[in-house]
């Protein structure tokens, strides 16, 4: 009986681990992408979800020095990015990024944000 309990407990632990890993993997955006969600409360008010930033895609097009350290600090979660700041020409809205002919404009929300209400990508 004791061995059966130990086996059931071990199976439950393994199952919990698998479910936890699957849930975590479902949240991961994929290699070379970052989830930007520090302003989640205001994003929800605006009807958009977190941003999935394709860092690898940007690295293929630009050298690191184009963005770091002038536009973005070269450290995860060190930049206080907001749409207001983007619209004011900072971060993604800088003159060489999405506030220029080099990329799509900032008002195309679904290109960066997930779960945009009423928009299709």
PDB file of N, CA and C in Angstrom:
ATOM      1  N   UNK A   1       0.826  -1.197   0.000  1.00  0.00           N
ATOM      2  CA  UNK A   1       0.000   0.000   0.000  1.00  0.00           C
ATOM      3  C   UNK A   1       0.871   1.262   0.000  1.00  0.00           C
ATOM      4  N   UNK A   2       1.937   1.233   0.800  1.00  0.00           N
ATOM      5  CA  UNK A   2       2.844   2.391   0.888  1.00  0.00           C
ATOM      6  C   UNK A   2       3.494   2.660  -0.467  1.00  0.00           C
ATOM      7  N   UNK A   3       3.927   1.596  -1.145  1.00  0.00           N
ATOM      8  CA  UNK A   3       4.546   1.748  -2.464  1.00  0.00           C
ATOM      9  C   UNK A   3       3.568   2.353  -3.475  1.00  0.00           C
ATOM     10  N   UNK A   4       2.298   1.978  -3.346  1.00  0.00           N
ATOM     11  CA  UNK A   4       1.276   2.512  -4.242  1.00  0.00           C
ATOM     12  C   UNK A   4       1.094   4.006  -4.026  1.00  0.00           C
ATOM     13  N   UNK A   5       1.095   4.440  -2.762  1.00  0.00           N
ATOM     14  CA  UNK A   5       0.977   5.877  -2.458  1.00  0.00           C
ATOM     15  C   UNK A   5       2.163   6.649  -3.008  1.00  0.00           C
ATOM     16  N   UNK A   6       3.351   6.104  -2.794  1.00  0.00           N
ATOM     17  CA  UNK A   6       4.563   6.766  -3.293  1.00  0.00           C
ATOM     18  C   UNK A   6       4.499   6.863  -4.819  1.00  0.00           C
ATOM     19  N   UNK A   7       4.043   5.804  -5.472  1.00  0.00           N
ATOM     20  CA  UNK A   7       3.905   5.816  -6.926  1.00  0.00           C
ATOM     21  C   UNK A   7       2.895   6.852  -7.396  1.00  0.00           C
ATOM     22  N   UNK A   8       1.772   6.963  -6.694  1.00  0.00           N
ATOM     23  CA  UNK A   8       0.761   7.962  -7.045  1.00  0.00           C
ATOM     24  C   UNK A   8       1.276   9.377  -6.832  1.00  0.00           C
ATOM     25  N   UNK A   9       1.982   9.586  -5.742  1.00  0.00           N
ATOM     26  CA  UNK A   9       2.559  10.917  -5.466  1.00  0.00           C
ATOM     27  C   UNK A   9       3.586  11.266  -6.543  1.00  0.00           C
ATOM     28  N   UNK A  10       4.441  10.310  -6.891  1.00  0.00           N
ATOM     29  CA  UNK A  10       5.449  10.548  -7.934  1.00  0.00           C
ATOM     30  C   UNK A  10       4.773  10.859  -9.269  1.00  0.00           C
ATOM     31  N   UNK A  11       3.731  10.120  -9.611  1.00  0.00           N
ATOM     32  CA  UNK A  11       3.006  10.359 -10.863  1.00  0.00           C
ATOM     33  C   UNK A  11       2.357  11.743 -10.859  1.00  0.00           C
ATOM     34  N   UNK A  12       1.802  12.142  -9.713  1.00  0.00           N
ATOM     35  CA  UNK A  12       1.184  13.469  -9.604  1.00  0.00           C
ATOM     36  C   UNK A  12       2.229  14.564  -9.782  1.00  0.00           C
ATOM     37  N   UNK A  13       3.393  14.378  -9.205  1.00  0.00           N
ATOM     38  CA  UNK A  13       4.468  15.378  -9.338  1.00  0.00           C
ATOM     39  C   UNK A  13       4.910  15.493 -10.796  1.00  0.00           C
ATOM     40  N   UNK A  14       5.082  14.358 -11.451  1.00  0.00           N
ATOM     41  CA  UNK A  14       5.489  14.364 -12.860  1.00  0.00           C
ATOM     42  C   UNK A  14       4.413  15.035 -13.709  1.00  0.00           C
ATOM     43  N   UNK A  15       3.153  14.686 -13.473  1.00  0.00           N
ATOM     44  CA  UNK A  15       2.050  15.288 -14.227  1.00  0.00           C
ATOM     45  C   UNK A  15       1.999  16.793 -14.011  1.00  0.00           C
ATOM     46  N   UNK A  16       2.154  17.233 -12.755  1.00  0.00           N
ATOM     47  CA  UNK A  16       2.160  18.664 -12.463  1.00  0.00           C
ATOM     48  C   UNK A  16       3.303  19.356 -13.213  1.00  0.00           C
ATOM     49  N   UNK A  17       4.465  18.728 -13.215  1.00  0.00           N
ATOM     50  CA  UNK A  17       5.612  19.297 -13.929  1.00  0.00           C
ATOM     51  C   UNK A  17       5.355  19.429 -15.413  1.00  0.00           C
ATOM     52  N   UNK A  18       4.760  18.395 -16.007  1.00  0.00           N
ATOM     53  CA  UNK A  18       4.450  18.450 -17.445  1.00  0.00           C
ATOM     54  C   UNK A  18       3.433  19.538 -17.763  1.00  0.00           C
ATOM     55  N   UNK A  19       2.389  19.640 -16.943  1.00  0.00           N
ATOM     56  CA  UNK A  19       1.369  20.667 -17.155  1.00  0.00           C
ATOM     57  C   UNK A  19       1.976  22.052 -16.987  1.00  0.00           C
ATOM     58  N   UNK A  20       2.820  22.227 -15.983  1.00  0.00           N
ATOM     59  CA  UNK A  20       3.477  23.522 -15.754  1.00  0.00           C
ATOM     60  C   UNK A  20       4.364  23.898 -16.929  1.00  0.00           C
ATOM     61  N   UNK A  21       5.136  22.939 -17.439  1.00  0.00           N
ATOM     62  CA  UNK A  21       6.011  23.211 -18.587  1.00  0.00           C
ATOM     63  C   UNK A  21       5.196  23.568 -19.819  1.00  0.00           C
ATOM     64  N   UNK A  22       4.097  22.852 -20.034  1.00  0.00           N
ATOM     65  CA  UNK A  22       3.253  23.146 -21.198  1.00  0.00           C
ATOM     66  C   UNK A  22       2.647  24.537 -21.090  1.00  0.00           C
ATOM     67  N   UNK A  23       2.206  24.912 -19.888  1.00  0.00           N
ATOM     68  CA  UNK A  23       1.625  26.248 -19.699  1.00  0.00           C
ATOM     69  C   UNK A  23       2.687  27.325 -19.912  1.00  0.00           C
ATOM     70  N   UNK A  24       3.902  27.085 -19.419  1.00  0.00           N
ATOM     71  CA  UNK A  24       4.984  28.050 -19.594  1.00  0.00           C
ATOM     72  C   UNK A  24       5.344  28.171 -21.071  1.00  0.00           C
ATOM     73  N   UNK A  25       5.427  27.045 -21.758  1.00  0.00           N
ATOM     74  CA  UNK A  25       5.792  27.064 -23.180  1.00  0.00           C
ATOM     75  C   UNK A  25       4.742  27.802 -23.996  1.00  0.00           C
ATOM     76  N   UNK A  26       3.479  27.703 -23.601  1.00  0.00           N
ATOM     77  CA  UNK A  26       2.421  28.402 -24.330  1.00  0.00           C
ATOM     78  C   UNK A  26       2.562  29.907 -24.210  1.00  0.00           C
ATOM     79  N   UNK A  27       3.210  30.395 -23.141  1.00  0.00           N
ATOM     80  CA  UNK A  27       3.390  31.833 -22.938  1.00  0.00           C
ATOM     81  C   UNK A  27       4.644  32.353 -23.623  1.00  0.00           C
ATOM     82  N   UNK A  28       5.586  31.479 -23.911  1.00  0.00           N
ATOM     83  CA  UNK A  28       6.841  31.902 -24.512  1.00  0.00           C
ATOM     84  C   UNK A  28       6.609  32.319 -25.958  1.00  0.00           C
ATOM     85  N   UNK A  29       7.135  33.457 -26.376  1.00  0.00           N
ATOM     86  CA  UNK A  29       6.896  33.948 -27.731  1.00  0.00           C
ATOM     87  C   UNK A  29       7.734  33.245 -28.792  1.00  0.00           C
ATOM     88  N   UNK A  30       8.742  32.497 -28.402  1.00  0.00           N
ATOM     89  CA  UNK A  30       9.613  31.832 -29.356  1.00  0.00           C
ATOM     90  C   UNK A  30      11.013  32.407 -29.284  1.00  0.00           C
ATOM     91  N   UNK A  31      11.965  31.752 -29.936  1.00  0.00           N
ATOM     92  CA  UNK A  31      13.353  32.210 -29.864  1.00  0.00           C
ATOM     93  C   UNK A  31      13.537  33.584 -30.490  1.00  0.00           C
ATOM     94  N   UNK A  32      14.315  34.409 -29.822  1.00  0.00           N
ATOM     95  CA  UNK A  32      14.620  35.737 -30.355  1.00  0.00           C
ATOM     96  C   UNK A  32      13.508  36.746 -30.239  1.00  0.00           C
ATOM     97  N   UNK A  33      12.475  36.429 -29.455  1.00  0.00           N
ATOM     98  CA  UNK A  33      11.359  37.358 -29.265  1.00  0.00           C
ATOM     99  C   UNK A  33      11.183  37.632 -27.780  1.00  0.00           C
ATOM    100  N   UNK A  34      10.790  38.850 -27.458  1.00  0.00           N
ATOM    101  CA  UNK A  34      10.558  39.241 -26.066  1.00  0.00           C
ATOM    102  C   UNK A  34       9.116  39.681 -25.896  1.00  0.00           C
ATOM    103  N   UNK A  35       8.541  39.346 -24.758  1.00  0.00           N
ATOM    104  CA  UNK A  35       7.212  39.847 -24.417  1.00  0.00           C
ATOM    105  C   UNK A  35       7.392  41.121 -23.606  1.00  0.00           C
ATOM    106  N   UNK A  36       6.803  42.205 -24.052  1.00  0.00           N
ATOM    107  CA  UNK A  36       6.857  43.481 -23.342  1.00  0.00           C
ATOM    108  C   UNK A  36       5.484  43.725 -22.728  1.00  0.00           C
ATOM    109  N   UNK A  37       5.406  43.547 -21.409  1.00  0.00           N
ATOM    110  CA  UNK A  37       4.104  43.632 -20.746  1.00  0.00           C
ATOM    111  C   UNK A  37       4.139  44.425 -19.441  1.00  0.00           C
ATOM    112  N   UNK A  38       5.107  45.305 -19.276  1.00  0.00           N
ATOM    113  CA  UNK A  38       5.226  46.056 -18.020  1.00  0.00           C
ATOM    114  C   UNK A  38       4.098  47.073 -17.832  1.00  0.00           C
ATOM    115  N   UNK A  39       3.418  47.431 -18.892  1.00  0.00           N
ATOM    116  CA  UNK A  39       2.313  48.398 -18.818  1.00  0.00           C
ATOM    117  C   UNK A  39       0.982  47.698 -19.095  1.00  0.00           C
ATOM    118  N   UNK A  40       0.831  46.494 -18.595  1.00  0.00           N
ATOM    119  CA  UNK A  40      -0.331  45.668 -18.918  1.00  0.00           C
ATOM    120  C   UNK A  40      -1.658  46.315 -18.531  1.00  0.00           C
ATOM    121  N   UNK A  41      -1.703  47.026 -17.410  1.00  0.00           N
ATOM    122  CA  UNK A  41      -2.948  47.673 -16.978  1.00  0.00           C
ATOM    123  C   UNK A  41      -3.400  48.696 -18.006  1.00  0.00           C
ATOM    124  N   UNK A  42      -2.496  49.553 -18.457  1.00  0.00           N
ATOM    125  CA  UNK A  42      -2.886  50.561 -19.446  1.00  0.00           C
ATOM    126  C   UNK A  42      -3.144  49.923 -20.811  1.00  0.00           C
ATOM    127  N   UNK A  43      -2.446  48.838 -21.120  1.00  0.00           N
ATOM    128  CA  UNK A  43      -2.698  48.142 -22.375  1.00  0.00           C
ATOM    129  C   UNK A  43      -4.128  47.596 -22.397  1.00  0.00           C
ATOM    130  N   UNK A  44      -4.544  47.003 -21.284  1.00  0.00           N
ATOM    131  CA  UNK A  44      -5.907  46.463 -21.211  1.00  0.00           C
ATOM    132  C   UNK A  44      -6.936  47.574 -21.365  1.00  0.00           C
ATOM    133  N   UNK A  45      -6.682  48.731 -20.743  1.00  0.00           N
ATOM    134  CA  UNK A  45      -7.601  49.873 -20.881  1.00  0.00           C
ATOM    135  C   UNK A  45      -7.692  50.321 -22.340  1.00  0.00           C
ATOM    136  N   UNK A  46      -6.583  50.214 -23.054  1.00  0.00           N
ATOM    137  CA  UNK A  46      -6.544  50.639 -24.464  1.00  0.00           C
ATOM    138  C   UNK A  46      -7.067  49.557 -25.404  1.00  0.00           C
ATOM    139  N   UNK A  47      -7.362  48.373 -24.867  1.00  0.00           N
ATOM    140  CA  UNK A  47      -7.887  47.298 -25.697  1.00  0.00           C
ATOM    141  C   UNK A  47      -6.845  46.529 -26.477  1.00  0.00           C
ATOM    142  N   UNK A  48      -5.625  46.492 -25.946  1.00  0.00           N
ATOM    143  CA  UNK A  48      -4.551  45.733 -26.586  1.00  0.00           C
ATOM    144  C   UNK A  48      -3.869  44.853 -25.551  1.00  0.00           C
ATOM    145  N   UNK A  49      -3.181  43.833 -26.034  1.00  0.00           N
ATOM    146  CA  UNK A  49      -2.406  42.959 -25.168  1.00  0.00           C
ATOM    147  C   UNK A  49      -0.937  43.315 -25.215  1.00  0.00           C
ATOM    148  N   UNK A  50      -0.108  42.479 -24.606  1.00  0.00           N
ATOM    149  CA  UNK A  50       1.336  42.727 -24.591  1.00  0.00           C
ATOM    150  C   UNK A  50       1.930  42.777 -25.999  1.00  0.00           C
ATOM    151  N   UNK A  51       3.100  43.366 -26.086  1.00  0.00           N
ATOM    152  CA  UNK A  51       3.848  43.418 -27.343  1.00  0.00           C
ATOM    153  C   UNK A  51       4.753  42.192 -27.406  1.00  0.00           C
ATOM    154  N   UNK A  52       4.816  41.575 -28.574  1.00  0.00           N
ATOM    155  CA  UNK A  52       5.815  40.537 -28.811  1.00  0.00           C
ATOM    156  C   UNK A  52       6.845  41.175 -29.738  1.00  0.00           C
ATOM    157  N   UNK A  53       8.020  41.465 -29.169  1.00  0.00           N
ATOM    158  CA  UNK A  53       9.065  42.162 -29.918  1.00  0.00           C
ATOM    159  C   UNK A  53       9.996  41.151 -30.584  1.00  0.00           C
ATOM    160  N   UNK A  54      10.079  41.153 -31.918  1.00  0.00           N
ATOM    161  CA  UNK A  54      10.930  40.204 -32.642  1.00  0.00           C
ATOM    162  C   UNK A  54      12.382  40.694 -32.718  1.00  0.00           C
ATOM    163  N   UNK A  55      13.123  40.504 -31.652  1.00  0.00           N
ATOM    164  CA  UNK A  55      14.496  40.995 -31.587  1.00  0.00           C
ATOM    165  C   UNK A  55      15.368  40.402 -32.696  1.00  0.00           C
ATOM    166  N   UNK A  56      15.253  39.091 -32.927  1.00  0.00           N
ATOM    167  CA  UNK A  56      16.071  38.461 -33.972  1.00  0.00           C
ATOM    168  C   UNK A  56      15.804  39.060 -35.343  1.00  0.00           C
ATOM    169  N   UNK A  57      14.558  39.368 -35.628  1.00  0.00           N
ATOM    170  CA  UNK A  57      14.195  39.979 -36.914  1.00  0.00           C
ATOM    171  C   UNK A  57      14.863  41.349 -37.050  1.00  0.00           C
ATOM    172  N   UNK A  58      14.895  42.117 -35.972  1.00  0.00           N
ATOM    173  CA  UNK A  58      15.540  43.427 -35.999  1.00  0.00           C
ATOM    174  C   UNK A  58      17.059  43.284 -36.121  1.00  0.00           C
ATOM    175  N   UNK A  59      17.633  42.260 -35.477  1.00  0.00           N
ATOM    176  CA  UNK A  59      19.083  42.039 -35.558  1.00  0.00           C
ATOM    177  C   UNK A  59      19.526  41.711 -36.975  1.00  0.00           C
ATOM    178  N   UNK A  60      18.661  41.066 -37.739  1.00  0.00           N
ATOM    179  CA  UNK A  60      18.998  40.732 -39.124  1.00  0.00           C
ATOM    180  C   UNK A  60      19.062  41.980 -39.999  1.00  0.00           C
ATOM    181  N   UNK A  61      18.269  42.993 -39.661  1.00  0.00           N
ATOM    182  CA  UNK A  61      18.185  44.208 -40.476  1.00  0.00           C
ATOM    183  C   UNK A  61      19.140  45.303 -40.028  1.00  0.00           C
ATOM    184  N   UNK A  62      19.439  45.360 -38.728  1.00  0.00           N
ATOM    185  CA  UNK A  62      20.201  46.481 -38.175  1.00  0.00           C
ATOM    186  C   UNK A  62      21.356  45.999 -37.319  1.00  0.00           C
ATOM    187  N   UNK A  63      22.415  46.794 -37.284  1.00  0.00           N
ATOM    188  CA  UNK A  63      23.510  46.523 -36.362  1.00  0.00           C
ATOM    189  C   UNK A  63      23.085  46.949 -34.965  1.00  0.00           C
ATOM    190  N   UNK A  64      23.647  46.320 -33.951  1.00  0.00           N
ATOM    191  CA  UNK A  64      23.260  46.590 -32.559  1.00  0.00           C
ATOM    192  C   UNK A  64      23.342  48.078 -32.212  1.00  0.00           C
ATOM    193  N   UNK A  65      24.381  48.752 -32.706  1.00  0.00           N
ATOM    194  CA  UNK A  65      24.607  50.150 -32.378  1.00  0.00           C
ATOM    195  C   UNK A  65      23.549  51.102 -32.907  1.00  0.00           C
ATOM    196  N   UNK A  66      22.710  50.643 -33.833  1.00  0.00           N
ATOM    197  CA  UNK A  66      21.626  51.488 -34.338  1.00  0.00           C
ATOM    198  C   UNK A  66      20.629  51.762 -33.211  1.00  0.00           C
ATOM    199  N   UNK A  67      20.406  50.769 -32.371  1.00  0.00           N
ATOM    200  CA  UNK A  67      19.413  50.894 -31.291  1.00  0.00           C
ATOM    201  C   UNK A  67      20.028  50.993 -29.891  1.00  0.00           C
ATOM    202  N   UNK A  68      21.152  50.317 -29.679  1.00  0.00           N
ATOM    203  CA  UNK A  68      21.759  50.248 -28.343  1.00  0.00           C
ATOM    204  C   UNK A  68      23.073  50.997 -28.310  1.00  0.00           C
ATOM    205  N   UNK A  69      23.335  51.801 -27.331  1.00  0.00           N
ATOM    206  CA  UNK A  69      22.501  52.175 -26.192  1.00  0.00           C
ATOM    207  C   UNK A  69      21.718  53.457 -26.413  1.00  0.00           C
ATOM    208  N   UNK A  70      21.788  54.042 -27.605  1.00  0.00           N
ATOM    209  CA  UNK A  70      21.158  55.340 -27.840  1.00  0.00           C
ATOM    210  C   UNK A  70      19.650  55.373 -27.677  1.00  0.00           C
ATOM    211  N   UNK A  71      18.956  54.392 -28.210  1.00  0.00           N
ATOM    212  CA  UNK A  71      17.491  54.361 -28.145  1.00  0.00           C
ATOM    213  C   UNK A  71      17.023  53.472 -26.993  1.00  0.00           C
ATOM    214  N   UNK A  72      17.637  52.303 -26.872  1.00  0.00           N
ATOM    215  CA  UNK A  72      17.259  51.331 -25.841  1.00  0.00           C
ATOM    216  C   UNK A  72      18.472  50.957 -24.998  1.00  0.00           C
ATOM    217  N   UNK A  73      18.280  50.889 -23.687  1.00  0.00           N
ATOM    218  CA  UNK A  73      19.313  50.348 -22.810  1.00  0.00           C
ATOM    219  C   UNK A  73      19.464  48.876 -23.161  1.00  0.00           C
ATOM    220  N   UNK A  74      20.688  48.395 -23.110  1.00  0.00           N
ATOM    221  CA  UNK A  74      20.983  47.022 -23.510  1.00  0.00           C
ATOM    222  C   UNK A  74      20.831  46.070 -22.325  1.00  0.00           C
ATOM    223  N   UNK A  75      19.643  46.102 -21.721  1.00  0.00           N
ATOM    224  CA  UNK A  75      19.363  45.242 -20.572  1.00  0.00           C
ATOM    225  C   UNK A  75      17.860  44.990 -20.508  1.00  0.00           C
ATOM    226  N   UNK A  76      17.483  43.753 -20.282  1.00  0.00           N
ATOM    227  CA  UNK A  76      16.062  43.395 -20.225  1.00  0.00           C
ATOM    228  C   UNK A  76      15.350  44.172 -19.121  1.00  0.00           C
ATOM    229  N   UNK A  77      14.178  44.675 -19.435  1.00  0.00           N
ATOM    230  CA  UNK A  77      13.288  45.396 -18.521  1.00  0.00           C
ATOM    231  C   UNK A  77      13.890  46.692 -17.971  1.00  0.00           C
ATOM    232  N   UNK A  78      14.912  47.222 -18.620  1.00  0.00           N
ATOM    233  CA  UNK A  78      15.545  48.460 -18.163  1.00  0.00           C
ATOM    234  C   UNK A  78      14.969  49.699 -18.843  1.00  0.00           C
ATOM    235  N   UNK A  79      14.120  49.506 -19.842  1.00  0.00           N
ATOM    236  CA  UNK A  79      13.552  50.616 -20.597  1.00  0.00           C
ATOM    237  C   UNK A  79      12.092  50.815 -20.200  1.00  0.00           C
ATOM    238  N   UNK A  80      11.739  52.013 -19.843  1.00  0.00           N
ATOM    239  CA  UNK A  80      10.361  52.315 -19.430  1.00  0.00           C
ATOM    240  C   UNK A  80       9.554  52.734 -20.658  1.00  0.00           C
ATOM    241  N   UNK A  81       9.272  51.767 -21.517  1.00  0.00           N
ATOM    242  CA  UNK A  81       8.598  52.026 -22.786  1.00  0.00           C
ATOM    243  C   UNK A  81       7.096  52.173 -22.551  1.00  0.00           C
ATOM    244  N   UNK A  82       6.512  53.179 -23.178  1.00  0.00           N
ATOM    245  CA  UNK A  82       5.062  53.360 -23.142  1.00  0.00           C
ATOM    246  C   UNK A  82       4.632  53.907 -24.501  1.00  0.00           C
ATOM    247  N   UNK A  83       3.353  53.785 -24.809  1.00  0.00           N
ATOM    248  CA  UNK A  83       2.873  54.335 -26.082  1.00  0.00           C
ATOM    249  C   UNK A  83       3.011  55.851 -26.100  1.00  0.00           C
ATOM    250  N   UNK A  84       2.801  56.492 -24.979  1.00  0.00           N
ATOM    251  CA  UNK A  84       2.969  57.953 -24.930  1.00  0.00           C
ATOM    252  C   UNK A  84       4.390  58.323 -25.323  1.00  0.00           C
ATOM    253  N   UNK A  85       5.359  57.631 -24.751  1.00  0.00           N
ATOM    254  CA  UNK A  85       6.765  57.912 -25.086  1.00  0.00           C
ATOM    255  C   UNK A  85       7.049  57.570 -26.548  1.00  0.00           C
ATOM    256  N   UNK A  86       6.489  56.469 -27.029  1.00  0.00           N
ATOM    257  CA  UNK A  86       6.663  56.133 -28.455  1.00  0.00           C
ATOM    258  C   UNK A  86       6.106  57.239 -29.339  1.00  0.00           C
ATOM    259  N   UNK A  87       4.903  57.703 -29.013  1.00  0.00           N
ATOM    260  CA  UNK A  87       4.264  58.761 -29.811  1.00  0.00           C
ATOM    261  C   UNK A  87       5.029  60.084 -29.711  1.00  0.00           C
ATOM    262  N   UNK A  88       5.745  60.284 -28.607  1.00  0.00           N
ATOM    263  CA  UNK A  88       6.561  61.489 -28.426  1.00  0.00           C
ATOM    264  C   UNK A  88       7.942  61.367 -29.074  1.00  0.00           C
ATOM    265  N   UNK A  89       8.171  60.271 -29.819  1.00  0.00           N
ATOM    266  CA  UNK A  89       9.427  60.134 -30.556  1.00  0.00           C
ATOM    267  C   UNK A  89      10.516  59.377 -29.826  1.00  0.00           C
ATOM    268  N   UNK A  90      10.186  58.743 -28.723  1.00  0.00           N
ATOM    269  CA  UNK A  90      11.177  57.950 -28.002  1.00  0.00           C
ATOM    270  C   UNK A  90      11.008  56.471 -28.356  1.00  0.00           C
ATOM    271  N   UNK A  91      11.971  55.681 -27.986  1.00  0.00           N
ATOM    272  CA  UNK A  91      11.942  54.230 -28.150  1.00  0.00           C
ATOM    273  C   UNK A  91      11.517  53.833 -29.567  1.00  0.00           C
ATOM    274  N   UNK A  92      10.456  53.041 -29.704  1.00  0.00           N
ATOM    275  CA  UNK A  92      10.010  52.555 -31.021  1.00  0.00           C
ATOM    276  C   UNK A  92       9.577  53.701 -31.926  1.00  0.00           C
ATOM    277  N   UNK A  93       9.220  54.825 -31.354  1.00  0.00           N
ATOM    278  CA  UNK A  93       8.781  55.979 -32.124  1.00  0.00           C
ATOM    279  C   UNK A  93       9.894  56.942 -32.489  1.00  0.00           C
ATOM    280  N   UNK A  94      11.141  56.510 -32.330  1.00  0.00           N
ATOM    281  CA  UNK A  94      12.252  57.410 -32.654  1.00  0.00           C
ATOM    282  C   UNK A  94      12.285  57.700 -34.154  1.00  0.00           C
ATOM    283  N   UNK A  95      13.012  58.714 -34.515  1.00  0.00           N
ATOM    284  CA  UNK A  95      13.037  59.201 -35.905  1.00  0.00           C
ATOM    285  C   UNK A  95      13.538  58.158 -36.901  1.00  0.00           C
ATOM    286  N   UNK A  96      14.286  57.159 -36.438  1.00  0.00           N
ATOM    287  CA  UNK A  96      14.806  56.129 -37.339  1.00  0.00           C
ATOM    288  C   UNK A  96      14.007  54.828 -37.302  1.00  0.00           C
ATOM    289  N   UNK A  97      12.959  54.784 -36.512  1.00  0.00           N
ATOM    290  CA  UNK A  97      12.200  53.526 -36.365  1.00  0.00           C
ATOM    291  C   UNK A  97      10.783  53.686 -36.909  1.00  0.00           C
ATOM    292  N   UNK A  98       9.803  53.497 -36.051  1.00  0.00           N
ATOM    293  CA  UNK A  98       8.411  53.493 -36.495  1.00  0.00           C
ATOM    294  C   UNK A  98       7.801  54.888 -36.591  1.00  0.00           C
ATOM    295  N   UNK A  99       8.628  55.912 -36.566  1.00  0.00           N
ATOM    296  CA  UNK A  99       8.215  57.284 -36.831  1.00  0.00           C
ATOM    297  C   UNK A  99       9.010  57.772 -38.045  1.00  0.00           C
ATOM    298  N   UNK A 100       9.156  56.861 -39.012  1.00  0.00           N
ATOM    299  CA  UNK A 100       9.933  57.157 -40.214  1.00  0.00           C
ATOM    300  C   UNK A 100       9.423  56.297 -41.363  1.00  0.00           C
ATOM    301  N   UNK A 101       9.906  56.558 -42.574  1.00  0.00           N
ATOM    302  CA  UNK A 101       9.523  55.704 -43.712  1.00  0.00           C
ATOM    303  C   UNK A 101      10.170  54.314 -43.662  1.00  0.00           C
ATOM    304  N   UNK A 102      11.069  54.069 -42.685  1.00  0.00           N
ATOM    305  CA  UNK A 102      11.789  52.798 -42.605  1.00  0.00           C
ATOM    306  C   UNK A 102      10.928  51.622 -42.133  1.00  0.00           C
ATOM    307  N   UNK A 103       9.780  51.900 -41.516  1.00  0.00           N
ATOM    308  CA  UNK A 103       8.972  50.825 -40.936  1.00  0.00           C
ATOM    309  C   UNK A 103       7.501  51.229 -40.923  1.00  0.00           C
ATOM    310  N   UNK A 104       6.646  50.270 -40.588  1.00  0.00           N
ATOM    311  CA  UNK A 104       5.217  50.567 -40.497  1.00  0.00           C
ATOM    312  C   UNK A 104       4.979  51.575 -39.370  1.00  0.00           C
ATOM    313  N   UNK A 105       3.915  52.375 -39.466  1.00  0.00           N
ATOM    314  CA  UNK A 105       3.659  53.415 -38.460  1.00  0.00           C
ATOM    315  C   UNK A 105       3.131  52.848 -37.135  1.00  0.00           C
ATOM    316  N   UNK A 106       3.318  53.616 -36.089  1.00  0.00           N
ATOM    317  CA  UNK A 106       2.922  53.210 -34.743  1.00  0.00           C
ATOM    318  C   UNK A 106       1.432  52.920 -34.609  1.00  0.00           C
ATOM    319  N   UNK A 107       0.590  53.569 -35.394  1.00  0.00           N
ATOM    320  CA  UNK A 107      -0.850  53.391 -35.215  1.00  0.00           C
ATOM    321  C   UNK A 107      -1.353  52.045 -35.735  1.00  0.00           C
ATOM    322  N   UNK A 108      -0.507  51.240 -36.336  1.00  0.00           N
ATOM    323  CA  UNK A 108      -0.897  49.890 -36.752  1.00  0.00           C
ATOM    324  C   UNK A 108      -0.665  48.936 -35.573  1.00  0.00           C
ATOM    325  N   UNK A 109      -1.537  49.048 -34.595  1.00  0.00           N
ATOM    326  CA  UNK A 109      -1.381  48.389 -33.291  1.00  0.00           C
ATOM    327  C   UNK A 109      -1.147  46.890 -33.379  1.00  0.00           C
ATOM    328  N   UNK A 110      -1.884  46.215 -34.254  1.00  0.00           N
ATOM    329  CA  UNK A 110      -1.823  44.755 -34.329  1.00  0.00           C
ATOM    330  C   UNK A 110      -0.490  44.231 -34.861  1.00  0.00           C
ATOM    331  N   UNK A 111       0.344  45.101 -35.413  1.00  0.00           N
ATOM    332  CA  UNK A 111       1.661  44.655 -35.863  1.00  0.00           C
ATOM    333  C   UNK A 111       2.597  44.359 -34.699  1.00  0.00           C
ATOM    334  N   UNK A 112       2.322  44.931 -33.541  1.00  0.00           N
ATOM    335  CA  UNK A 112       3.171  44.706 -32.366  1.00  0.00           C
ATOM    336  C   UNK A 112       2.403  44.091 -31.205  1.00  0.00           C
ATOM    337  N   UNK A 113       1.218  44.626 -30.940  1.00  0.00           N
ATOM    338  CA  UNK A 113       0.426  44.169 -29.795  1.00  0.00           C
ATOM    339  C   UNK A 113      -0.344  42.911 -30.110  1.00  0.00           C
ATOM    340  N   UNK A 114      -0.508  42.066 -29.107  1.00  0.00           N
ATOM    341  CA  UNK A 114      -1.367  40.898 -29.198  1.00  0.00           C
ATOM    342  C   UNK A 114      -2.770  41.298 -28.755  1.00  0.00           C
ATOM    343  N   UNK A 115      -3.734  40.493 -29.086  1.00  0.00           N
ATOM    344  CA  UNK A 115      -5.116  40.661 -28.610  1.00  0.00           C
ATOM    345  C   UNK A 115      -5.671  42.057 -28.835  1.00  0.00           C
ATOM    346  N   UNK A 116      -5.455  42.620 -29.998  1.00  0.00           N
ATOM    347  CA  UNK A 116      -5.969  43.954 -30.303  1.00  0.00           C
ATOM    348  C   UNK A 116      -7.467  43.829 -30.616  1.00  0.00           C
ATOM    349  N   UNK A 117      -8.273  44.518 -29.852  1.00  0.00           N
ATOM    350  CA  UNK A 117      -9.721  44.442 -30.055  1.00  0.00           C
ATOM    351  C   UNK A 117     -10.101  45.104 -31.369  1.00  0.00           C
ATOM    352  N   UNK A 118     -10.866  44.394 -32.176  1.00  0.00           N
ATOM    353  CA  UNK A 118     -11.377  44.944 -33.426  1.00  0.00           C
ATOM    354  C   UNK A 118     -10.367  45.096 -34.533  1.00  0.00           C
ATOM    355  N   UNK A 119      -9.199  44.494 -34.419  1.00  0.00           N
ATOM    356  CA  UNK A 119      -8.189  44.629 -35.461  1.00  0.00           C
ATOM    357  C   UNK A 119      -7.727  43.247 -35.929  1.00  0.00           C
ATOM    358  N   UNK A 120      -7.373  43.183 -37.175  1.00  0.00           N
ATOM    359  CA  UNK A 120      -6.775  41.960 -37.693  1.00  0.00           C
ATOM    360  C   UNK A 120      -5.377  42.294 -38.184  1.00  0.00           C
ATOM    361  N   UNK A 121      -4.518  41.326 -38.121  1.00  0.00           N
ATOM    362  CA  UNK A 121      -3.133  41.563 -38.505  1.00  0.00           C
ATOM    363  C   UNK A 121      -2.936  41.383 -39.981  1.00  0.00           C
TER     364      UNK A 121
END
